[in-house]
Amino acid sequence: MATLAVYNSKREKIGDLEVADSVFGVEPKVGVLHEVVKWQMAKRRAGTACTKTRAEVRGGGRKPWRQKGTGRARVGSIRSPLWRKGGTVFGPKPRSYSYNIPKKVRKLALKMALSDKLASKRLYVLKEFGLEEIKTKQMAGLLDLFEVGKAVIVTRDKDRTVELSARNIPGVKVLTQGGLNVYDLLKHEFLIIQESAVEAVEERLK
């Protein structure tokens, strides 16, 4: 089993935490991580792009000129796709881009992302964040103390003080352990996680 150092808000080591190799000791595979990130991004797509077909464009109910005898090409509607302001052929319509991948693959990718953070020494475990009030300056000072830039901060339960203190800091995102995901772990360089959240994550990924 791997051992993680547990720090307080002053970056003083106050203990050790043993974690399962089945969660924090998995060898990362680019293909698995890519598949899960692609799935996450597809789920986030709004899918609201919409164009009008010739049946939906306003006007064009009357034939503009008679079929024969004018010397011009035959036309049935001024809203033909060939005309300016006409309908669109095969244009986008509202749709869902989401699809399913196995839960085992999703769990495996999350384990790989966590293992990569541990292997690259970009994971810090904190007993508590030590924030007495909502103060961006205090959160920025905490991140500076750990020499962390872009980071995802994970709490066990929803912590309004931590969330509001970090929301104005560029490159920092706060999640509960239930919202921890592969995309945010790969996007942010560091992971700062509450000690109690580690146990919850392990339980979730077993």
Protein backbone atom coordinates (compact mmCIF):
# COMPACT_ATOMS: atom_id res chain seq x y z
CA MET A 1 0.00 0.00 0.00
CA ALA A 2 1.15 3.51 -0.80
CA THR A 3 1.49 6.09 1.96
CA LEU A 4 0.45 9.73 1.64
CA ALA A 5 1.71 12.50 3.90
CA VAL A 6 -1.05 14.42 5.66
CA TYR A 7 -0.50 18.16 6.15
CA ASN A 8 -2.19 20.92 8.09
CA SER A 9 -2.96 24.34 6.60
CA LYS A 10 0.56 25.53 7.50
CA ARG A 11 2.17 22.75 5.43
CA GLU A 12 3.34 20.94 8.52
CA LYS A 13 3.27 17.16 8.26
CA ILE A 14 0.96 15.79 10.94
CA GLY A 15 0.67 12.16 9.92
CA ASP A 16 0.53 9.49 7.23
CA LEU A 17 -2.36 7.94 5.38
CA GLU A 18 -2.23 4.51 3.76
CA VAL A 19 -4.09 4.21 0.46
CA ALA A 20 -4.90 1.18 -1.64
CA ASP A 21 -2.68 0.39 -4.61
CA SER A 22 -5.82 -0.67 -6.48
CA VAL A 23 -6.87 3.02 -6.51
CA PHE A 24 -3.62 5.03 -6.28
CA GLY A 25 -1.20 2.56 -7.87
CA VAL A 26 -2.70 1.93 -11.30
CA GLU A 27 -0.52 2.41 -14.39
CA PRO A 28 -2.02 5.15 -16.59
CA LYS A 29 -3.00 4.31 -20.17
CA VAL A 30 -3.52 7.18 -22.58
CA GLY A 31 -6.19 5.36 -24.57
CA VAL A 32 -8.45 4.80 -21.56
CA LEU A 33 -8.03 8.37 -20.30
CA HIS A 34 -8.73 9.76 -23.77
CA GLU A 35 -11.90 7.72 -24.15
CA VAL A 36 -13.32 8.93 -20.84
CA VAL A 37 -12.40 12.59 -21.44
CA LYS A 38 -14.02 12.40 -24.89
CA TRP A 39 -17.15 10.94 -23.27
CA GLN A 40 -17.23 13.73 -20.67
CA MET A 41 -16.86 16.45 -23.29
CA ALA A 42 -19.58 14.90 -25.46
CA LYS A 43 -21.98 14.92 -22.49
CA ARG A 44 -21.30 18.61 -21.92
CA ARG A 45 -22.16 19.67 -25.47
CA ALA A 46 -25.33 21.76 -25.56
CA GLY A 47 -26.49 20.36 -28.88
CA THR A 48 -28.70 23.41 -29.46
CA ALA A 49 -27.44 24.37 -32.95
CA CYS A 50 -30.44 24.64 -35.27
CA THR A 51 -31.06 25.71 -38.87
CA LYS A 52 -34.34 25.97 -40.78
CA THR A 53 -35.23 23.72 -43.68
CA ARG A 54 -37.14 25.04 -46.72
CA ALA A 55 -40.35 23.97 -44.98
CA GLU A 56 -39.61 26.18 -41.95
CA VAL A 57 -38.35 29.38 -43.60
CA ARG A 58 -40.95 32.15 -43.70
CA GLY A 59 -42.54 32.88 -47.09
CA GLY A 60 -42.29 31.10 -50.40
CA GLY A 61 -45.82 29.73 -50.51
CA ARG A 62 -46.49 31.04 -54.02
CA LYS A 63 -44.70 29.96 -57.16
CA PRO A 64 -42.65 33.03 -58.20
CA TRP A 65 -43.39 32.70 -61.96
CA ARG A 66 -45.07 30.27 -64.28
CA GLN A 67 -43.39 27.02 -65.17
CA LYS A 68 -42.84 27.67 -68.87
CA GLY A 69 -42.52 30.51 -71.31
CA THR A 70 -40.47 33.03 -69.31
CA GLY A 71 -37.02 31.89 -70.47
CA ARG A 72 -35.92 31.54 -66.87
CA ALA A 73 -35.20 28.37 -64.91
CA ARG A 74 -38.21 26.68 -63.35
CA VAL A 75 -38.69 27.52 -59.67
CA GLY A 76 -41.31 26.31 -57.21
CA SER A 77 -40.46 28.49 -54.18
CA ILE A 78 -38.38 31.54 -53.36
CA ARG A 79 -37.25 29.67 -50.22
CA SER A 80 -35.43 26.96 -52.18
CA PRO A 81 -32.00 26.12 -50.72
CA LEU A 82 -30.50 27.48 -53.96
CA TRP A 83 -31.84 30.94 -53.25
CA ARG A 84 -30.59 33.64 -50.93
CA LYS A 85 -32.54 33.46 -47.63
CA GLY A 86 -33.64 29.98 -48.59
CA GLY A 87 -33.74 26.92 -46.36
CA THR A 88 -30.66 24.93 -45.35
CA VAL A 89 -30.02 21.43 -46.66
CA PHE A 90 -28.85 18.89 -44.04
CA GLY A 91 -28.19 21.64 -41.48
CA PRO A 92 -27.80 20.92 -37.74
CA LYS A 93 -30.83 20.26 -35.57
CA PRO A 94 -31.05 20.07 -31.75
CA ARG A 95 -29.68 16.73 -30.60
CA SER A 96 -27.90 15.02 -27.72
CA TYR A 97 -24.24 14.15 -28.25
CA SER A 98 -24.03 11.96 -25.14
CA TYR A 99 -23.36 8.25 -25.28
CA ASN A 100 -22.57 5.53 -22.77
CA ILE A 101 -19.34 3.83 -21.81
CA PRO A 102 -18.99 1.06 -19.20
CA LYS A 103 -18.79 2.07 -15.54
CA LYS A 104 -15.68 -0.09 -15.17
CA VAL A 105 -13.88 2.01 -17.78
CA ARG A 106 -14.91 5.24 -16.06
CA LYS A 107 -13.68 3.99 -12.68
CA LEU A 108 -10.44 2.72 -14.20
CA ALA A 109 -9.71 6.08 -15.84
CA LEU A 110 -10.32 7.92 -12.54
CA LYS A 111 -7.95 5.54 -10.76
CA MET A 112 -5.34 6.17 -13.45
CA ALA A 113 -5.69 9.95 -13.12
CA LEU A 114 -5.31 9.76 -9.32
CA SER A 115 -2.34 7.41 -9.64
CA ASP A 116 -0.65 9.81 -12.05
CA LYS A 117 -1.03 12.69 -9.57
CA LEU A 118 0.54 10.57 -6.83
CA ALA A 119 3.37 9.26 -9.02
CA SER A 120 4.27 12.77 -10.21
CA LYS A 121 4.14 14.14 -6.62
CA ARG A 122 1.40 16.62 -7.44
CA LEU A 123 -1.04 15.41 -4.78
CA TYR A 124 -1.39 16.95 -1.32
CA VAL A 125 -3.61 15.65 1.47
CA LEU A 126 -4.84 18.22 4.00
CA LYS A 127 -6.45 17.48 7.34
CA GLU A 128 -8.39 20.74 7.18
CA PHE A 129 -8.13 23.91 5.11
CA GLY A 130 -7.99 26.21 8.13
CA LEU A 131 -10.30 28.88 6.69
CA GLU A 132 -12.15 30.70 9.45
CA GLU A 133 -14.10 32.91 7.04
CA ILE A 134 -14.73 33.39 3.33
CA LYS A 135 -11.50 35.08 2.26
CA THR A 136 -9.85 34.78 -1.14
CA LYS A 137 -6.60 36.11 0.29
CA GLN A 138 -6.39 33.24 2.79
CA MET A 139 -7.01 30.62 0.10
CA ALA A 140 -4.42 32.23 -2.19
CA GLY A 141 -1.96 32.21 0.70
CA LEU A 142 -2.63 28.51 1.30
CA LEU A 143 -1.96 27.71 -2.36
CA ASP A 144 1.22 29.80 -2.34
CA LEU A 145 2.39 27.95 0.76
CA PHE A 146 2.10 24.64 -1.10
CA GLU A 147 3.59 26.21 -4.25
CA VAL A 148 0.50 25.29 -6.25
CA GLY A 149 -0.82 27.05 -9.35
CA LYS A 150 -3.59 25.37 -11.32
CA ALA A 151 -5.26 23.00 -8.90
CA VAL A 152 -8.44 21.08 -8.22
CA ILE A 153 -9.45 21.11 -4.56
CA VAL A 154 -11.54 18.20 -3.31
CA THR A 155 -13.61 18.26 -0.13
CA ARG A 156 -15.62 15.40 1.34
CA ASP A 157 -18.87 17.38 1.59
CA LYS A 158 -19.98 20.70 0.19
CA ASP A 159 -17.92 23.40 1.89
CA ARG A 160 -19.23 26.89 1.12
CA THR A 161 -16.29 28.64 2.78
CA VAL A 162 -13.74 26.82 0.60
CA GLU A 163 -15.81 27.22 -2.56
CA LEU A 164 -16.38 30.96 -2.19
CA SER A 165 -12.79 31.61 -1.09
CA ALA A 166 -11.42 29.91 -4.22
CA ARG A 167 -13.90 30.94 -6.90
CA ASN A 168 -12.07 34.14 -7.91
CA ILE A 169 -8.66 32.48 -8.17
CA PRO A 170 -7.81 31.68 -11.82
CA GLY A 171 -7.05 28.03 -12.53
CA VAL A 172 -8.54 26.71 -9.28
CA LYS A 173 -11.65 24.54 -9.05
CA VAL A 174 -13.39 23.16 -5.97
CA LEU A 175 -15.25 19.84 -6.11
CA THR A 176 -16.81 17.46 -3.62
CA GLN A 177 -15.47 13.90 -3.68
CA GLY A 178 -18.61 12.80 -5.52
CA GLY A 179 -17.88 15.23 -8.35
CA LEU A 180 -14.25 14.23 -8.81
CA ASN A 181 -13.68 13.43 -12.48
CA VAL A 182 -10.98 12.57 -15.01
CA TYR A 183 -11.23 15.75 -17.10
CA ASP A 184 -10.64 18.14 -14.19
CA LEU A 185 -7.80 16.01 -12.81
CA LEU A 186 -5.99 16.09 -16.15
CA LYS A 187 -6.76 19.78 -16.78
CA HIS A 188 -5.35 20.96 -13.45
CA GLU A 189 -1.72 20.35 -12.54
CA PHE A 190 -2.19 19.71 -8.81
CA LEU A 191 -4.70 17.89 -6.63
CA ILE A 192 -5.37 19.06 -3.08
CA ILE A 193 -7.71 16.69 -1.28
CA GLN A 194 -9.17 16.63 2.21
CA GLU A 195 -8.12 13.60 4.26
CA SER A 196 -11.70 12.50 4.88
CA ALA A 197 -12.39 12.75 1.14
CA VAL A 198 -9.61 10.24 0.35
CA GLU A 199 -11.46 7.51 2.23
CA ALA A 200 -14.69 8.37 0.43
CA VAL A 201 -12.97 8.25 -2.97
CA GLU A 202 -11.41 4.88 -2.16
CA GLU A 203 -14.79 3.51 -1.11
CA ARG A 204 -16.36 4.85 -4.30
CA LEU A 205 -13.76 3.27 -6.58
CA LYS A 206 -13.51 -0.19 -4.97
